[in-house]
């Protein structure tokens, strides 16, 4: 009999065995081990029919490179265990919906779930509620526990040797519970994000071929998605970590996309905006191949001119009033005319702790610079931008970091190097710390720097250890590059869960 079933088939089978005691086990089961086998044996002893459901790939949150085995392979492995009567690839993130549909008599979890408060996601409480609602009960097995994540981290190939060495340093100094407590403390940080809001528009296309009359690639558009980008994306990344965030930003004169921005922005984000005269709301359109997700063309709707003097004065008046009220000010200056030299100077003088990303992009290269900012607590910049800033193609990156940090009085300078990871240089200590990159499945690099800036800034403001701060930021960047653009914001529970598993 085929054991791997659909939910529809399973519901039908359940209706034919109403008099039998049905037991449900649910989990990822990425690497089957003796602990799992004993768990299933004990679960089967509690009833007549054992169903094992697995978390689908898209909801597995155990760090970069996980799951090791895709959902079909995991289901196949489970189907060969004698005690298991049926296997289901779940369609949702947790078992709550499934419990209500299957109505098992017993929902069986491992002994590590007995203390519900240890569950990072908090979903065990919802699953307990669900099983009680259908007249069933929860049972915690007593069998020996092993950790798939620990076995994979120690003996698998998910982590490279440099990653293992880096994580070893973290584990030596911090327990997972220590790290979790530190992340929870971030919620009290009062954050102001300053910068241009950008509407990221992604149009997915099929390539039809070359035009019949001209040497032009012809595309057929299939669908378009829009996400909040720029400073608004940074605010959203912070929204699950901090209780209150303020966003000071710029939109177009006619307020295009303003309703979209208000709808998509988090409820705990206080939106303050100026309507830039003679300018549209910035829209960056990217045309992608629908299969490979490779970008084919970019088209920007933008006016890079500086704001008129009257509006600049209004912005500076707002800055003078609000800057001292915040613990952390994050500036993402995309060089599109929102932040003048005078405004940048005021931000640097009045902020308690300032983090900066003054990125180079297609429309500002050759004109934009971070030289307007001095005495900054944290700067994130990529290697290409450092070399452009110092007009130096060949020198050692560490020497360039020292030079730039001294010139601009940057307390912590972070340089990202793609797959090579990132480096932080502390000016006072004259010390470098290297962090490995953790991204495995790179889909789109846009927004990765903003994601890293968000979390590293929070951590450094709270004086969290630099290596740990960089790890948290690197995991945020890894999550960012594994999705299209800013389709998904960084989520606190998912970052904590990733940390829990990669540090086992």
Protein backbone atom coordinates (compact mmCIF):
# COMPACT_ATOMS: atom_id res chain seq x y z
CA UNK A 1 0.00 0.00 0.00
CA UNK A 2 1.22 3.49 -0.87
CA UNK A 3 1.97 5.28 2.39
CA UNK A 4 2.61 8.83 1.08
CA UNK A 5 -0.87 10.33 0.88
CA UNK A 6 -2.61 13.62 0.14
CA UNK A 7 -4.69 15.31 2.83
CA UNK A 8 -7.87 14.46 0.88
CA UNK A 9 -6.96 10.75 0.81
CA UNK A 10 -6.02 10.79 4.48
CA UNK A 11 -9.32 12.39 5.52
CA UNK A 12 -11.13 9.66 3.56
CA UNK A 13 -9.12 6.90 5.31
CA UNK A 14 -9.73 8.57 8.67
CA UNK A 15 -13.49 8.36 8.08
CA UNK A 16 -13.21 4.58 7.62
CA UNK A 17 -11.29 3.98 10.86
CA UNK A 18 -13.39 6.00 13.29
CA UNK A 19 -13.23 3.23 15.88
CA UNK A 20 -9.43 3.07 15.80
CA UNK A 21 -7.11 5.25 17.85
CA UNK A 22 -5.20 7.55 15.50
CA UNK A 23 -1.84 9.07 16.51
CA UNK A 24 -0.21 12.02 14.72
CA UNK A 25 3.50 12.96 14.80
CA UNK A 26 4.68 16.12 13.07
CA UNK A 27 8.12 17.59 12.36
CA UNK A 28 10.84 18.24 9.80
CA UNK A 29 12.67 14.88 10.15
CA UNK A 30 15.52 16.12 7.99
CA UNK A 31 17.98 13.46 9.09
CA UNK A 32 16.39 10.28 10.41
CA UNK A 33 18.18 8.88 13.46
CA UNK A 34 17.65 6.46 16.35
CA UNK A 35 15.81 9.11 18.38
CA UNK A 36 13.18 9.39 15.64
CA UNK A 37 12.80 5.60 15.35
CA UNK A 38 12.19 5.25 19.10
CA UNK A 39 9.82 8.24 19.00
CA UNK A 40 7.72 6.54 16.29
CA UNK A 41 7.76 3.17 18.10
CA UNK A 42 6.47 4.77 21.29
CA UNK A 43 3.89 6.81 19.35
CA UNK A 44 2.57 3.69 17.58
CA UNK A 45 2.25 1.88 20.91
CA UNK A 46 -0.29 4.51 21.97
CA UNK A 47 -2.76 3.71 19.19
CA UNK A 48 -3.69 1.71 16.11
CA UNK A 49 -2.83 4.00 13.18
CA UNK A 50 0.23 6.28 13.07
CA UNK A 51 0.34 9.28 10.75
CA UNK A 52 3.58 11.23 10.34
CA UNK A 53 3.32 14.66 8.72
CA UNK A 54 6.34 16.69 7.65
CA UNK A 55 6.97 20.41 7.35
CA UNK A 56 7.27 21.37 3.67
CA UNK A 57 10.61 22.76 2.43
CA UNK A 58 9.43 26.38 2.17
CA UNK A 59 8.62 26.50 5.90
CA UNK A 60 11.76 24.83 7.26
CA UNK A 61 13.57 27.42 9.40
CA UNK A 62 16.71 25.65 10.60
CA UNK A 63 19.30 27.94 9.08
CA UNK A 64 20.91 28.28 5.64
CA UNK A 65 21.16 25.08 3.60
CA UNK A 66 18.30 23.34 5.37
CA UNK A 67 16.54 21.08 4.86
CA UNK A 68 19.31 18.73 3.70
CA UNK A 69 16.73 16.46 2.06
CA UNK A 70 13.75 17.86 0.19
CA UNK A 71 10.19 17.08 1.25
CA UNK A 72 9.73 14.21 -1.22
CA UNK A 73 12.89 12.43 -0.04
CA UNK A 74 12.01 12.96 3.62
CA UNK A 75 8.53 11.55 3.01
CA UNK A 76 9.98 8.54 1.17
CA UNK A 77 12.38 7.77 4.03
CA UNK A 78 9.54 7.89 6.59
CA UNK A 79 7.36 5.61 4.45
CA UNK A 80 9.89 2.78 4.91
CA UNK A 81 9.51 2.74 8.70
CA UNK A 82 7.29 -0.19 9.71
CA UNK A 83 5.51 1.62 12.54
CA UNK A 84 4.40 4.44 10.24
CA UNK A 85 1.05 3.80 8.53
CA UNK A 86 0.75 7.04 6.53
CA UNK A 87 2.97 9.98 5.59
CA UNK A 88 1.75 13.43 4.61
CA UNK A 89 3.65 16.46 3.30
CA UNK A 90 1.86 19.22 5.18
CA UNK A 91 0.73 22.32 3.29
CA UNK A 92 1.07 24.76 6.20
CA UNK A 93 3.82 25.85 8.57
CA UNK A 94 2.47 24.07 11.65
CA UNK A 95 0.27 21.09 12.46
CA UNK A 96 -2.70 23.10 13.80
CA UNK A 97 -4.71 23.09 10.55
CA UNK A 98 -3.92 19.42 9.96
CA UNK A 99 -5.02 18.41 13.48
CA UNK A 100 -8.42 20.03 12.92
CA UNK A 101 -8.83 18.16 9.62
CA UNK A 102 -7.54 14.72 10.67
CA UNK A 103 -8.90 14.82 14.23
CA UNK A 104 -6.30 12.44 15.75
CA UNK A 105 -6.89 10.99 19.20
CA UNK A 106 -3.30 11.72 20.21
CA UNK A 107 -0.83 14.36 19.05
CA UNK A 108 2.62 13.03 19.85
CA UNK A 109 5.67 15.29 20.44
CA UNK A 110 9.20 14.58 21.60
CA UNK A 111 10.34 15.16 25.21
CA UNK A 112 12.11 18.39 24.21
CA UNK A 113 8.66 19.99 23.72
CA UNK A 114 7.45 19.19 27.25
CA UNK A 115 8.56 22.65 28.37
CA UNK A 116 6.41 24.69 25.97
CA UNK A 117 8.26 27.94 26.67
CA UNK A 118 11.40 26.51 25.03
CA UNK A 119 9.63 26.40 21.67
CA UNK A 120 11.04 29.43 19.81
CA UNK A 121 8.02 29.80 17.52
CA UNK A 122 5.44 29.42 20.29
CA UNK A 123 3.34 27.30 17.91
CA UNK A 124 3.21 24.28 20.23
CA UNK A 125 0.62 26.18 22.28
CA UNK A 126 -1.61 26.60 19.21
CA UNK A 127 -1.21 22.90 18.36
CA UNK A 128 -2.22 21.93 21.92
CA UNK A 129 -5.28 24.16 21.56
CA UNK A 130 -6.11 22.49 18.24
CA UNK A 131 -5.86 18.91 19.57
CA UNK A 132 -8.04 19.78 22.57
CA UNK A 133 -10.63 21.35 20.25
CA UNK A 134 -11.12 17.98 18.47
CA UNK A 135 -11.29 16.00 21.71
CA UNK A 136 -7.75 14.64 21.56
CA UNK A 137 -4.76 14.99 23.85
CA UNK A 138 -1.02 15.68 23.67
CA UNK A 139 1.50 13.03 24.62
CA UNK A 140 5.25 13.61 25.06
CA UNK A 141 7.40 10.57 24.33
CA UNK A 142 10.04 9.55 26.85
CA UNK A 143 12.55 8.11 24.40
CA UNK A 144 16.16 9.26 24.08
CA UNK A 145 16.58 12.48 22.07
CA UNK A 146 19.14 13.29 19.44
CA UNK A 147 19.36 16.48 17.43
CA UNK A 148 19.31 16.25 13.63
CA UNK A 149 20.76 19.75 13.50
CA UNK A 150 23.63 18.83 15.82
CA UNK A 151 24.45 15.72 13.79
CA UNK A 152 24.27 17.66 10.52
CA UNK A 153 26.43 20.49 11.90
CA UNK A 154 29.07 18.07 13.21
CA UNK A 155 29.22 15.50 10.43
CA UNK A 156 27.41 17.00 7.44
CA UNK A 157 28.59 19.36 4.73
CA UNK A 158 26.09 22.19 5.32
CA UNK A 159 28.74 24.24 7.13
CA UNK A 160 32.22 24.82 5.74
CA UNK A 161 35.25 24.49 8.01
CA UNK A 162 35.61 28.30 8.36
CA UNK A 163 31.90 28.55 9.27
CA UNK A 164 32.31 25.80 11.88
CA UNK A 165 35.32 27.59 13.39
CA UNK A 166 33.44 30.89 13.50
CA UNK A 167 30.38 29.28 15.14
CA UNK A 168 32.66 27.47 17.60
CA UNK A 169 33.85 30.88 18.88
CA UNK A 170 30.24 32.00 19.34
CA UNK A 171 29.27 28.79 21.19
CA UNK A 172 32.30 29.12 23.46
CA UNK A 173 31.14 32.52 24.69
CA UNK A 174 27.34 32.31 24.53
CA UNK A 175 24.62 29.76 25.13
CA UNK A 176 21.58 29.84 22.88
CA UNK A 177 19.47 31.05 25.82
CA UNK A 178 21.94 33.95 26.36
CA UNK A 179 21.57 34.94 22.70
CA UNK A 180 17.79 34.68 22.79
CA UNK A 181 17.65 36.99 25.83
CA UNK A 182 19.89 39.54 24.11
CA UNK A 183 17.66 39.57 21.03
CA UNK A 184 14.56 40.02 23.19
CA UNK A 185 16.16 43.13 24.75
CA UNK A 186 16.26 44.79 21.33
CA UNK A 187 12.51 45.44 21.47
CA UNK A 188 12.99 48.46 23.76
CA UNK A 189 15.36 50.30 21.37
CA UNK A 190 13.70 53.44 19.96
CA UNK A 191 14.63 53.57 16.26
CA UNK A 192 14.35 56.26 13.62
CA UNK A 193 14.93 55.27 9.99
CA UNK A 194 15.75 58.08 7.54
CA UNK A 195 15.93 57.68 3.77
CA UNK A 196 14.09 57.46 0.48
CA UNK A 197 11.21 55.02 0.15
CA UNK A 198 11.46 53.04 -3.08
CA UNK A 199 8.76 50.95 -4.71
CA UNK A 200 10.41 47.80 -6.03
CA UNK A 201 8.44 46.54 -9.01
CA UNK A 202 9.28 43.09 -10.37
CA UNK A 203 7.81 42.07 -13.73
CA UNK A 204 8.21 38.36 -14.49
CA UNK A 205 8.50 37.63 -18.22
CA UNK A 206 8.93 34.95 -20.86
CA UNK A 207 11.55 35.69 -23.51
CA UNK A 208 9.87 35.49 -26.92
CA UNK A 209 13.08 36.09 -28.83
CA UNK A 210 14.59 38.76 -31.08
CA UNK A 211 12.38 41.37 -32.70
CA UNK A 212 11.77 40.65 -36.39
CA UNK A 213 12.86 44.14 -37.48
CA UNK A 214 15.43 45.26 -34.89
CA UNK A 215 18.18 43.70 -32.75
CA UNK A 216 15.98 43.92 -29.63
CA UNK A 217 15.02 41.22 -27.13
CA UNK A 218 11.23 40.85 -26.91
CA UNK A 219 9.62 39.79 -23.62
CA UNK A 220 6.09 38.77 -22.73
CA UNK A 221 5.09 40.00 -19.27
CA UNK A 222 3.32 37.40 -17.13
CA UNK A 223 2.82 39.08 -13.76
CA UNK A 224 4.04 42.04 -11.73
CA UNK A 225 4.72 42.16 -8.00
CA UNK A 226 5.39 45.28 -5.92
CA UNK A 227 7.25 45.50 -2.62
CA UNK A 228 8.33 48.26 -0.28
CA UNK A 229 12.02 49.01 -0.81
CA UNK A 230 14.57 51.51 0.41
CA UNK A 231 14.12 52.96 3.90
CA UNK A 232 10.61 51.49 4.15
CA UNK A 233 12.06 47.98 3.74
CA UNK A 234 14.55 48.64 6.56
CA UNK A 235 11.68 49.74 8.82
CA UNK A 236 9.81 46.52 8.05
CA UNK A 237 12.89 44.40 8.83
CA UNK A 238 13.03 46.04 12.26
CA UNK A 239 9.30 45.79 12.97
CA UNK A 240 9.35 42.31 14.53
CA UNK A 241 12.40 43.16 16.68
CA UNK A 242 11.40 46.60 18.04
CA UNK A 243 8.17 47.74 19.62
CA UNK A 244 8.19 51.20 18.06
CA UNK A 245 9.89 52.50 14.93
CA UNK A 246 9.63 55.84 13.16
CA UNK A 247 10.26 56.27 9.44
CA UNK A 248 11.14 59.69 8.06
CA UNK A 249 11.00 59.45 4.29
CA UNK A 250 10.22 61.07 0.96
CA UNK A 251 7.47 60.39 -1.58
CA UNK A 252 6.51 62.09 -4.83
CA UNK A 253 4.76 65.45 -5.10
CA UNK A 254 1.43 63.81 -5.99
CA UNK A 255 1.76 61.17 -3.28
CA UNK A 256 1.80 58.27 -5.73
CA UNK A 257 1.91 54.94 -3.90
CA UNK A 258 1.24 56.64 -0.56
CA UNK A 259 -1.80 54.45 0.14
CA UNK A 260 0.24 51.38 -0.86
CA UNK A 261 3.02 52.42 1.54
CA UNK A 262 0.56 53.00 4.40
CA UNK A 263 -1.12 49.64 3.75
CA UNK A 264 2.13 47.64 3.61
CA UNK A 265 4.04 49.35 6.41
CA UNK A 266 3.95 47.67 9.82
CA UNK A 267 1.42 48.75 12.45
CA UNK A 268 4.22 49.63 14.88
CA UNK A 269 5.92 51.95 12.35
CA UNK A 270 5.16 55.65 12.68
CA UNK A 271 5.31 57.08 9.14
CA UNK A 272 6.51 60.68 8.64
CA UNK A 273 6.95 61.84 5.05
CA UNK A 274 7.68 64.84 2.86
CA UNK A 275 6.28 65.17 -0.65
CA UNK A 276 9.24 66.15 -2.81
CA UNK A 277 8.27 68.86 -5.28
CA UNK A 278 8.72 68.20 -9.01
CA UNK A 279 9.38 64.54 -8.28
CA UNK A 280 7.57 61.21 -8.55
CA UNK A 281 7.60 58.55 -5.85
CA UNK A 282 10.69 56.49 -6.75
CA UNK A 283 9.81 53.30 -8.61
CA UNK A 284 12.51 50.85 -9.65
CA UNK A 285 11.19 48.36 -12.20
CA UNK A 286 13.07 45.19 -12.91
CA UNK A 287 12.16 42.77 -15.68
CA UNK A 288 13.04 39.13 -14.92
CA UNK A 289 13.02 35.84 -16.72
CA UNK A 290 10.17 33.93 -15.04
CA UNK A 291 12.09 30.63 -14.94
CA UNK A 292 15.65 31.55 -13.98
CA UNK A 293 14.67 34.76 -12.09
CA UNK A 294 17.62 36.46 -13.83
CA UNK A 295 17.15 40.20 -14.34
CA UNK A 296 16.98 41.31 -17.97
CA UNK A 297 16.38 45.05 -17.67
CA UNK A 298 15.89 47.81 -15.10
CA UNK A 299 13.81 50.97 -15.62
CA UNK A 300 13.72 53.68 -12.92
CA UNK A 301 11.10 56.41 -12.40
CA UNK A 302 13.10 58.96 -10.48
CA UNK A 303 14.20 62.58 -10.02
CA UNK A 304 17.65 62.78 -8.41
CA UNK A 305 17.63 66.58 -7.98
CA UNK A 306 18.01 67.93 -4.47
CA UNK A 307 14.88 69.07 -2.66
CA UNK A 308 14.11 72.76 -3.01
CA UNK A 309 15.43 75.01 -0.24
CA UNK A 310 12.05 75.41 1.46
CA UNK A 311 11.63 71.63 1.78
CA UNK A 312 15.22 71.13 2.91
CA UNK A 313 14.58 73.63 5.71
CA UNK A 314 11.40 71.78 6.68
CA UNK A 315 13.30 68.48 6.84
CA UNK A 316 16.06 70.03 8.95
CA UNK A 317 13.50 71.54 11.34
CA UNK A 318 11.96 68.08 11.80
CA UNK A 319 15.40 66.53 12.34
CA UNK A 320 16.32 69.07 15.04
CA UNK A 321 13.12 68.27 16.92
CA UNK A 322 13.17 64.48 16.79
CA UNK A 323 16.76 63.18 16.47
CA UNK A 324 17.71 63.41 20.20
CA UNK A 325 14.60 61.38 21.14
CA UNK A 326 15.86 58.15 19.52
CA UNK A 327 18.37 55.59 20.77
CA UNK A 328 19.30 54.58 17.22
CA UNK A 329 19.12 56.45 13.93
CA UNK A 330 19.56 54.38 10.76
CA UNK A 331 20.28 56.38 7.63
CA UNK A 332 19.96 54.75 4.24
CA UNK A 333 21.03 57.42 1.78
CA UNK A 334 20.34 56.18 -1.74
CA UNK A 335 21.56 59.44 -3.29
CA UNK A 336 18.22 60.45 -4.77
CA UNK A 337 18.12 64.02 -3.45
CA UNK A 338 16.46 63.56 -0.06
CA UNK A 339 19.40 64.13 2.30
CA UNK A 340 21.59 67.17 1.61
CA UNK A 341 25.05 67.82 3.01
CA UNK A 342 23.52 70.15 5.60
CA UNK A 343 20.93 67.53 6.64
CA UNK A 344 23.63 64.83 6.87
CA UNK A 345 25.73 67.09 9.08
CA UNK A 346 22.78 67.69 11.39
CA UNK A 347 21.99 63.97 11.61
CA UNK A 348 25.59 63.26 12.64
CA UNK A 349 25.63 66.00 15.28
CA UNK A 350 22.28 65.29 16.96
CA UNK A 351 21.98 61.48 16.86
CA UNK A 352 22.78 59.37 19.93
CA UNK A 353 23.86 56.41 17.79
CA UNK A 354 23.91 56.50 14.01
CA UNK A 355 24.22 53.71 11.43
CA UNK A 356 24.70 54.44 7.76
CA UNK A 357 24.40 52.89 4.35
CA UNK A 358 25.22 55.40 1.60
CA UNK A 359 25.12 53.03 -1.32
CA UNK A 360 26.25 53.43 -4.89
CA UNK A 361 23.67 52.46 -7.50
CA UNK A 362 23.15 52.76 -11.24
CA UNK A 363 21.74 56.30 -11.08
CA UNK A 364 24.17 57.91 -8.60
CA UNK A 365 27.59 56.39 -9.36
CA UNK A 366 30.19 59.11 -9.81
CA UNK A 367 28.08 61.67 -7.90
CA UNK A 368 27.12 60.09 -4.58
CA UNK A 369 29.49 59.83 -1.62
CA UNK A 370 29.41 59.04 2.08
CA UNK A 371 31.79 61.94 2.73
CA UNK A 372 28.88 64.03 4.05
CA UNK A 373 28.80 61.82 7.16
CA UNK A 374 31.37 61.90 9.99
CA UNK A 375 31.55 60.46 13.52
CA UNK A 376 29.21 57.63 12.58
CA UNK A 377 28.88 54.64 14.95
CA UNK A 378 28.37 52.03 12.24
CA UNK A 379 28.72 52.01 8.46
CA UNK A 380 27.91 49.12 6.13
CA UNK A 381 29.40 49.27 2.67
CA UNK A 382 30.48 46.67 0.12
CA UNK A 383 34.05 46.22 -1.09
CA UNK A 384 33.37 47.81 -4.47
CA UNK A 385 31.97 50.91 -2.74
CA UNK A 386 35.04 51.22 -0.48
CA UNK A 387 37.36 51.06 -3.47
CA UNK A 388 35.21 53.59 -5.33
CA UNK A 389 35.15 55.92 -2.32
CA UNK A 390 38.95 55.87 -2.03
CA UNK A 391 39.63 55.53 -5.79
CA UNK A 392 41.79 52.50 -5.12
CA UNK A 393 41.38 49.27 -7.09
CA UNK A 394 44.33 47.23 -5.86
CA UNK A 395 45.21 47.90 -2.21
CA UNK A 396 44.56 45.40 0.57
CA UNK A 397 40.95 45.77 1.79
CA UNK A 398 41.99 45.97 5.48
CA UNK A 399 44.31 48.92 4.79
CA UNK A 400 41.50 50.67 2.90
CA UNK A 401 39.08 50.08 5.76
CA UNK A 402 41.52 51.61 8.24
CA UNK A 403 42.05 54.61 5.97
CA UNK A 404 38.33 55.27 5.44
CA UNK A 405 37.47 54.75 9.13
CA UNK A 406 40.14 57.26 10.19
CA UNK A 407 39.18 59.84 7.56
CA UNK A 408 35.46 59.75 8.39
CA UNK A 409 35.83 58.88 12.10
CA UNK A 410 33.73 55.72 11.72
CA UNK A 411 33.65 53.75 14.97
CA UNK A 412 32.62 50.44 13.34
CA UNK A 413 33.13 49.96 9.61
CA UNK A 414 31.61 46.83 8.07
CA UNK A 415 32.58 45.76 4.56
CA UNK A 416 30.57 43.02 2.85
CA UNK A 417 32.32 40.75 0.35
CA UNK A 418 29.56 38.55 -1.03
CA UNK A 419 30.32 34.83 -0.69
CA UNK A 420 33.54 35.68 1.21
CA UNK A 421 31.50 37.05 4.11
CA UNK A 422 32.06 40.38 5.85
CA UNK A 423 34.65 42.19 7.95
CA UNK A 424 34.11 44.63 10.80
CA UNK A 425 36.83 47.09 11.81
CA UNK A 426 36.65 48.85 15.18
CA UNK A 427 38.54 52.15 15.08
CA UNK A 428 39.12 52.49 18.83
CA UNK A 429 40.40 48.93 19.28
CA UNK A 430 42.17 48.94 15.87
CA UNK A 431 40.83 45.42 15.47
CA UNK A 432 39.28 43.38 12.62
CA UNK A 433 36.68 40.63 13.06
CA UNK A 434 35.75 38.36 10.15
CA UNK A 435 32.31 36.81 9.73
CA UNK A 436 31.53 34.04 7.26
CA UNK A 437 28.67 34.27 4.76
CA UNK A 438 25.82 31.84 5.42
CA UNK A 439 23.65 32.15 2.30
CA UNK A 440 23.20 28.90 0.38
CA UNK A 441 20.47 29.50 -2.18
CA UNK A 442 21.05 32.94 -3.73
CA UNK A 443 18.05 34.20 -5.68
CA UNK A 444 18.32 38.01 -5.50
CA UNK A 445 21.02 40.12 -3.82
CA UNK A 446 18.94 43.31 -3.76
CA UNK A 447 18.18 44.38 -0.20
CA UNK A 448 20.75 42.13 1.52
CA UNK A 449 22.83 45.10 2.74
CA UNK A 450 19.72 46.79 4.15
CA UNK A 451 18.73 43.59 5.98
CA UNK A 452 22.20 43.28 7.50
CA UNK A 453 22.31 46.99 8.39
CA UNK A 454 19.00 46.69 10.26
CA UNK A 455 20.09 43.96 12.66
CA UNK A 456 23.78 44.78 13.07
CA UNK A 457 22.82 48.36 13.96
CA UNK A 458 20.41 47.19 16.67
CA UNK A 459 22.94 44.75 18.11
CA UNK A 460 25.85 47.21 18.20
CA UNK A 461 23.65 49.89 19.76
CA UNK A 462 22.89 47.44 22.58
CA UNK A 463 26.65 46.68 22.89
CA UNK A 464 26.23 43.05 21.87
CA UNK A 465 29.52 41.28 21.11
CA UNK A 466 30.77 42.14 17.60
CA UNK A 467 31.10 38.53 16.43
CA UNK A 468 27.58 37.74 17.60
CA UNK A 469 26.24 40.96 16.06
CA UNK A 470 27.85 40.06 12.75
CA UNK A 471 26.43 36.52 12.86
CA UNK A 472 22.90 37.83 13.43
CA UNK A 473 23.36 40.37 10.62
CA UNK A 474 24.80 37.72 8.31
CA UNK A 475 21.81 35.43 8.90
CA UNK A 476 19.50 38.35 8.08
CA UNK A 477 21.40 38.94 4.83
CA UNK A 478 21.25 35.20 4.04
CA UNK A 479 17.48 35.20 4.45
CA UNK A 480 17.23 38.29 2.26
CA UNK A 481 19.13 36.86 -0.72
CA UNK A 482 17.04 33.68 -0.64
CA UNK A 483 13.91 35.54 -1.71
CA UNK A 484 12.98 37.91 -4.54
CA UNK A 485 13.73 41.55 -3.67
CA UNK A 486 12.02 42.68 -0.48
CA UNK A 487 9.12 40.25 -0.86
CA UNK A 488 9.66 39.03 2.71
CA UNK A 489 10.85 41.00 5.71
CA UNK A 490 13.29 39.62 8.27
CA UNK A 491 11.35 37.90 11.05
CA UNK A 492 12.60 37.69 14.64
CA UNK A 493 11.23 34.20 15.34
CA UNK A 494 12.84 32.82 12.18
CA UNK A 495 16.23 34.39 12.97
CA UNK A 496 16.12 32.97 16.51
CA UNK A 497 15.15 29.55 15.18
CA UNK A 498 18.02 29.64 12.67
CA UNK A 499 20.42 30.54 15.49
CA UNK A 500 19.07 27.73 17.64
CA UNK A 501 19.81 25.12 14.98
CA UNK A 502 23.13 26.32 13.53
CA UNK A 503 24.60 26.62 17.03
CA UNK A 504 23.74 23.03 18.05
